[in-house]
Amino acid sequence: MMKKNILASLFKGLGVFYIAVSGGGGCNVFTDMSNKTSDQAIIDDANNLIDHSLFNDAILKLKTLSPAGQTLRNVQDLYASAYAGRGRLDLLNLSLTLSGSGNPPTIFLTLLKAFKGSSVLNYNDQISAEGYMLGISNTASGRTADENMFMIFVELAKLGTLFAFTADPLGIGSVDASFTTSCALSQAQADQVATAISNILDSMTTLGTNALSNSLPAGFASCAGALSLLCGMNTVAQVSNSAEQLAKTLVGENVQHIGLEITATNGLCELVPGGPCPGNTFGMGQGLVSWCGFP
């Protein structure tokens, strides 16, 4: 298990993010009792709704802010918190799950199990939460340490919800026999895998912390090694064809102890050794020698 002092460091200073996605904290007090339609009152009300896990109500409340209020940085943080919470991200529970995941299972199998039963709607909510964080800054250098730590958890939740509804449609917490190749992921889904990993790498590098070193594979610590191709692809528009193929391969691989360990493609859809993924129909269309269709 992760040491208590490391676990504590994860949440120290997280503020609204901890309250939003773990249900912690107490009631907020309005700072402007005279005008309950003011932006500040709306923000305080949204905080209270998030505090009580009423995430959809919080989103609707935030949408009543003035145009100027919508642009505030703390409002972007609140939107991200509300969407992440509605998408089933619980910061504390996910942290505990990761710290106790052990070896095996792999990080992706751990995330699939953590978000079992999640739907495409939960996945879309995590994409929305990510979008608000990227709206603050596309790169980790433009976000605070708290925002970057939260970003890591949002990206993990995005991956977990994706794996849950694609590879585990029955919601039992394991890969379904019908999911025989990660190359079956759509191009759009591969883009989201790539951006999730890129944003995790970017945030981890900027944080310069080993707070998650016991929970994430070594390759997630910085832009080096097999995952280096995915660095600098924090938005979908930046994702290359080769990165899409690498992302698909990573989802199903076994050797690097990252992917879903899809039995039908063990030894084939791997980073090392490399080999073509059977049944892949997306890619460059020629010379399949490695990864999911990447020539």
Protein backbone atom coordinates (compact mmCIF):
# COMPACT_ATOMS: atom_id res chain seq x y z
CA MET A 1 0.00 0.00 0.00
CA MET A 2 1.05 3.59 -0.58
CA LYS A 3 2.55 5.15 2.51
CA LYS A 4 0.25 7.48 4.42
CA ASN A 5 2.51 10.50 4.00
CA ILE A 6 2.57 10.00 0.22
CA LEU A 7 -1.19 9.59 0.15
CA ALA A 8 -1.58 12.74 2.20
CA SER A 9 0.64 14.65 -0.21
CA LEU A 10 -1.71 13.76 -3.02
CA PHE A 11 -4.57 15.65 -1.42
CA LYS A 12 -2.80 18.44 0.41
CA GLY A 13 -3.83 21.66 -1.25
CA LEU A 14 -6.14 20.04 -3.80
CA GLY A 15 -8.97 22.18 -2.45
CA VAL A 16 -12.00 22.13 -4.68
CA PHE A 17 -10.85 19.02 -6.51
CA TYR A 18 -10.79 16.93 -3.35
CA ILE A 19 -14.19 18.24 -2.29
CA ALA A 20 -15.64 17.76 -5.74
CA VAL A 21 -14.69 14.19 -6.47
CA SER A 22 -14.42 12.55 -3.07
CA GLY A 23 -17.36 14.06 -1.20
CA GLY A 24 -15.04 15.50 1.45
CA GLY A 25 -15.27 18.88 3.06
CA GLY A 26 -18.04 20.75 4.78
CA CYS A 27 -20.64 23.26 3.75
CA ASN A 28 -19.60 26.47 2.07
CA VAL A 29 -20.77 29.87 3.26
CA PHE A 30 -22.06 32.45 0.82
CA THR A 31 -19.90 35.53 0.71
CA ASP A 32 -22.67 37.59 -0.87
CA MET A 33 -25.95 36.94 0.93
CA SER A 34 -27.57 40.09 -0.39
CA ASN A 35 -27.67 38.99 -4.02
CA LYS A 36 -28.16 35.29 -4.61
CA THR A 37 -28.03 35.75 -8.38
CA SER A 38 -24.57 37.30 -8.36
CA ASP A 39 -21.73 35.34 -9.90
CA GLN A 40 -20.12 34.79 -6.51
CA ALA A 41 -23.35 33.43 -5.05
CA ILE A 42 -23.76 31.10 -8.02
CA ILE A 43 -20.20 29.87 -7.63
CA ASP A 44 -20.74 29.26 -3.93
CA ASP A 45 -23.98 27.43 -4.67
CA ALA A 46 -22.23 25.26 -7.26
CA ASN A 47 -19.55 24.45 -4.69
CA ASN A 48 -22.24 23.31 -2.27
CA LEU A 49 -23.88 21.15 -4.93
CA ILE A 50 -20.55 19.52 -5.80
CA ASP A 51 -19.86 19.04 -2.08
CA HIS A 52 -23.07 16.97 -1.93
CA SER A 53 -22.22 15.03 -5.13
CA LEU A 54 -24.99 16.76 -7.07
CA PHE A 55 -22.76 17.11 -10.08
CA ASN A 56 -25.38 17.59 -12.79
CA ASP A 57 -27.12 20.26 -10.73
CA ALA A 58 -23.76 21.99 -10.27
CA ILE A 59 -23.17 22.01 -14.02
CA LEU A 60 -26.60 23.52 -14.63
CA LYS A 61 -25.99 26.11 -11.92
CA LEU A 62 -22.62 27.12 -13.40
CA LYS A 63 -24.26 27.64 -16.77
CA THR A 64 -26.28 30.51 -15.27
CA LEU A 65 -23.13 32.56 -14.67
CA SER A 66 -22.62 35.76 -16.60
CA PRO A 67 -20.39 35.65 -19.72
CA ALA A 68 -17.60 37.20 -17.66
CA GLY A 69 -18.12 34.68 -14.87
CA GLN A 70 -17.87 31.79 -17.32
CA THR A 71 -14.28 32.77 -18.14
CA LEU A 72 -12.98 32.76 -14.54
CA ARG A 73 -10.24 30.24 -13.86
CA ASN A 74 -11.87 28.92 -10.69
CA VAL A 75 -15.06 28.38 -12.67
CA GLN A 76 -13.15 26.27 -15.22
CA ASP A 77 -11.84 24.23 -12.28
CA LEU A 78 -15.38 23.84 -10.96
CA TYR A 79 -16.73 22.73 -14.32
CA ALA A 80 -13.92 20.17 -14.58
CA SER A 81 -14.68 18.92 -11.06
CA ALA A 82 -18.40 18.60 -11.76
CA TYR A 83 -17.97 16.77 -15.06
CA ALA A 84 -15.32 14.45 -13.59
CA GLY A 85 -17.57 13.66 -10.64
CA ARG A 86 -20.57 13.03 -12.89
CA GLY A 87 -18.33 10.75 -14.93
CA ARG A 88 -17.71 8.61 -11.81
CA LEU A 89 -14.29 9.86 -10.77
CA ASP A 90 -13.80 9.54 -7.03
CA LEU A 91 -10.32 10.85 -6.28
CA LEU A 92 -9.85 9.17 -2.94
CA ASN A 93 -11.16 5.77 -3.98
CA LEU A 94 -9.17 5.77 -7.21
CA SER A 95 -5.99 6.71 -5.34
CA LEU A 96 -6.53 3.87 -2.87
CA THR A 97 -7.25 1.46 -5.72
CA LEU A 98 -4.07 2.43 -7.54
CA SER A 99 -1.92 2.24 -4.44
CA GLY A 100 -3.16 -1.26 -3.69
CA SER A 101 -3.17 -2.59 -7.25
CA GLY A 102 0.04 -4.56 -6.86
CA ASN A 103 1.73 -6.62 -9.54
CA PRO A 104 -0.25 -7.97 -11.34
CA PRO A 105 -2.66 -6.60 -12.54
CA THR A 106 -1.52 -4.06 -15.10
CA ILE A 107 -2.40 -0.37 -14.81
CA PHE A 108 -5.03 -0.59 -17.57
CA LEU A 109 -6.65 -3.68 -16.03
CA THR A 110 -6.73 -1.86 -12.70
CA LEU A 111 -8.47 1.11 -14.32
CA LEU A 112 -10.96 -1.12 -16.13
CA LYS A 113 -11.91 -2.75 -12.85
CA ALA A 114 -12.06 0.58 -10.99
CA PHE A 115 -14.57 1.94 -13.50
CA LYS A 116 -16.51 -1.25 -14.26
CA GLY A 117 -20.07 -0.54 -15.31
CA SER A 118 -19.19 2.86 -16.73
CA SER A 119 -20.91 3.98 -19.91
CA VAL A 120 -19.94 6.06 -22.91
CA LEU A 121 -21.68 8.97 -21.13
CA ASN A 122 -19.23 8.70 -18.21
CA TYR A 123 -16.37 8.60 -20.70
CA ASN A 124 -17.68 11.70 -22.46
CA ASP A 125 -17.88 13.48 -19.11
CA GLN A 126 -14.19 12.81 -18.51
CA ILE A 127 -13.42 14.22 -21.96
CA SER A 128 -15.39 17.33 -20.96
CA ALA A 129 -13.47 17.60 -17.69
CA GLU A 130 -10.21 17.28 -19.60
CA GLY A 131 -11.39 19.98 -22.01
CA TYR A 132 -11.91 22.48 -19.19
CA MET A 133 -8.44 21.77 -17.81
CA LEU A 134 -6.92 22.19 -21.27
CA GLY A 135 -8.89 25.42 -21.53
CA ILE A 136 -6.81 26.73 -18.63
CA SER A 137 -3.64 25.62 -20.42
CA ASN A 138 -2.82 23.03 -23.08
CA THR A 139 0.43 22.31 -21.28
CA ALA A 140 1.20 21.46 -17.68
CA SER A 141 3.55 24.44 -17.36
CA GLY A 142 0.55 26.78 -17.48
CA ARG A 143 -1.39 25.00 -14.74
CA THR A 144 -0.89 24.89 -10.98
CA ALA A 145 0.47 21.84 -9.20
CA ASP A 146 -3.03 21.09 -7.87
CA GLU A 147 -4.51 21.35 -11.34
CA ASN A 148 -1.84 19.05 -12.77
CA MET A 149 -2.42 16.44 -10.09
CA PHE A 150 -6.13 16.60 -10.81
CA MET A 151 -5.43 16.36 -14.54
CA ILE A 152 -3.61 13.06 -13.99
CA PHE A 153 -6.65 11.60 -12.24
CA VAL A 154 -9.02 12.88 -14.93
CA GLU A 155 -6.91 11.19 -17.60
CA LEU A 156 -6.83 7.94 -15.64
CA ALA A 157 -10.61 8.14 -15.32
CA LYS A 158 -10.94 8.78 -19.05
CA LEU A 159 -8.93 5.63 -19.75
CA GLY A 160 -10.82 3.58 -17.17
CA THR A 161 -14.26 4.55 -18.45
CA LEU A 162 -13.18 3.89 -22.06
CA PHE A 163 -11.90 0.42 -21.21
CA ALA A 164 -15.03 -0.31 -19.17
CA PHE A 165 -17.55 0.18 -21.95
CA THR A 166 -15.41 -1.14 -24.82
CA ALA A 167 -13.59 -4.13 -23.31
CA ASP A 168 -15.99 -5.00 -20.47
CA PRO A 169 -19.53 -4.41 -21.79
CA LEU A 170 -21.04 -6.69 -19.14
CA GLY A 171 -19.52 -4.64 -16.33
CA ILE A 172 -17.91 -7.53 -14.47
CA GLY A 173 -14.47 -5.95 -14.06
CA SER A 174 -12.51 -8.04 -16.55
CA VAL A 175 -11.90 -8.12 -20.30
CA ASP A 176 -14.78 -9.74 -22.16
CA ALA A 177 -14.01 -12.67 -24.49
CA SER A 178 -15.55 -10.72 -27.35
CA PHE A 179 -12.85 -8.03 -27.10
CA THR A 180 -10.18 -9.92 -29.01
CA THR A 181 -8.00 -7.05 -30.24
CA SER A 182 -7.39 -3.49 -29.11
CA CYS A 183 -6.93 -2.63 -32.78
CA ALA A 184 -10.75 -2.63 -32.88
CA LEU A 185 -10.74 0.69 -31.03
CA SER A 186 -11.87 3.54 -33.25
CA GLN A 187 -9.53 6.24 -34.43
CA ALA A 188 -11.29 8.73 -32.14
CA GLN A 189 -10.85 6.41 -29.15
CA ALA A 190 -7.19 5.88 -29.99
CA ASP A 191 -6.80 9.67 -30.08
CA GLN A 192 -8.20 9.88 -26.55
CA VAL A 193 -5.83 7.17 -25.29
CA ALA A 194 -2.92 9.08 -26.80
CA THR A 195 -3.92 12.44 -25.30
CA ALA A 196 -4.54 10.84 -21.89
CA ILE A 197 -1.05 9.38 -21.77
CA SER A 198 0.50 12.58 -23.13
CA ASN A 199 -1.19 14.73 -20.50
CA ILE A 200 -0.20 12.31 -17.73
CA LEU A 201 3.44 12.41 -18.91
CA ASP A 202 3.35 16.21 -19.19
CA SER A 203 1.81 16.67 -15.75
CA MET A 204 4.12 14.15 -14.07
CA THR A 205 7.18 15.78 -15.63
CA THR A 206 6.11 19.26 -14.53
CA LEU A 207 5.18 18.16 -11.02
CA GLY A 208 8.57 16.54 -10.59
CA THR A 209 7.05 14.25 -7.98
CA ASN A 210 7.14 10.54 -7.29
CA ALA A 211 3.82 10.62 -5.43
CA LEU A 212 2.38 8.14 -7.95
CA SER A 213 5.55 6.11 -8.50
CA ASN A 214 4.11 3.15 -6.59
CA SER A 215 0.91 3.24 -8.63
CA LEU A 216 1.91 3.93 -12.25
CA PRO A 217 4.39 2.07 -14.47
CA ALA A 218 7.85 3.62 -14.74
CA GLY A 219 7.15 4.60 -18.34
CA PHE A 220 4.52 7.07 -17.16
CA ALA A 221 6.98 9.11 -15.12
CA SER A 222 8.48 11.17 -17.95
CA CYS A 223 8.79 11.52 -21.71
CA ALA A 224 11.27 8.72 -22.27
CA GLY A 225 11.35 5.16 -23.50
CA ALA A 226 8.56 3.41 -25.37
CA LEU A 227 5.99 6.13 -24.65
CA SER A 228 8.10 9.05 -25.89
CA LEU A 229 6.20 9.15 -29.18
CA LEU A 230 3.08 10.20 -27.28
CA CYS A 231 4.68 13.23 -25.65
CA GLY A 232 3.53 16.63 -26.85
CA MET A 233 0.15 15.32 -28.03
CA ASN A 234 -2.01 16.89 -25.35
CA THR A 235 -4.90 17.63 -27.72
CA VAL A 236 -6.58 15.44 -30.34
CA ALA A 237 -5.43 17.78 -33.11
CA GLN A 238 -1.81 16.96 -32.25
CA VAL A 239 -2.15 13.16 -32.43
CA SER A 240 -0.35 11.57 -35.39
CA ASN A 241 -1.26 8.37 -37.21
CA SER A 242 1.68 6.56 -35.67
CA ALA A 243 0.63 7.71 -32.21
CA GLU A 244 -2.85 6.31 -32.81
CA GLN A 245 -1.32 2.95 -33.69
CA LEU A 246 0.93 3.02 -30.65
CA ALA A 247 -2.06 3.90 -28.44
CA LYS A 248 -4.07 0.98 -29.78
CA THR A 249 -1.15 -1.39 -29.28
CA LEU A 250 -0.60 -0.14 -25.75
CA VAL A 251 -4.20 -0.87 -24.78
CA GLY A 252 -3.90 -4.58 -25.53
CA GLU A 253 -0.24 -5.27 -24.77
CA ASN A 254 1.17 -7.56 -22.13
CA VAL A 255 4.98 -7.38 -22.15
CA GLN A 256 5.32 -3.84 -20.73
CA HIS A 257 2.79 -4.63 -17.98
CA ILE A 258 0.59 -1.72 -19.03
CA GLY A 259 -2.23 -3.01 -21.25
CA LEU A 260 -5.32 -5.18 -20.95
CA GLU A 261 -3.35 -8.36 -21.70
CA ILE A 262 -5.74 -9.48 -24.43
CA THR A 263 -5.13 -13.22 -24.73
CA ALA A 264 -5.83 -13.49 -28.46
CA THR A 265 -3.05 -11.04 -29.32
CA ASN A 266 -0.43 -11.83 -26.67
CA GLY A 267 2.95 -11.69 -28.36
CA LEU A 268 1.54 -9.89 -31.37
CA CYS A 269 0.19 -6.47 -30.41
CA GLU A 270 3.18 -5.64 -28.29
CA LEU A 271 5.72 -2.86 -28.07
CA VAL A 272 8.46 -5.45 -27.62
CA PRO A 273 8.37 -7.80 -29.42
CA GLY A 274 6.43 -6.11 -32.18
CA GLY A 275 4.01 -7.73 -34.57
CA PRO A 276 0.92 -6.94 -36.62
CA CYS A 277 -2.42 -7.06 -34.85
CA PRO A 278 -4.73 -9.63 -36.47
CA GLY A 279 -7.85 -8.16 -38.04
CA ASN A 280 -6.64 -4.57 -37.97
CA THR A 281 -8.36 -2.47 -40.63
CA PHE A 282 -7.05 0.95 -39.67
CA GLY A 283 -3.60 2.21 -40.43
CA MET A 284 -1.22 2.98 -43.22
CA GLY A 285 -2.33 -0.02 -45.26
CA GLN A 286 1.11 -1.35 -46.03
CA GLY A 287 4.04 -3.25 -44.57
CA LEU A 288 2.53 -4.23 -41.21
CA VAL A 289 5.56 -5.11 -39.13
CA SER A 290 4.85 -3.68 -35.69
CA TRP A 291 2.11 -2.31 -33.43
CA CYS A 292 -1.53 -2.03 -34.53
CA GLY A 293 -1.02 -1.54 -38.25
CA PHE A 294 1.92 0.86 -37.96
CA PRO A 295 4.48 0.19 -40.70
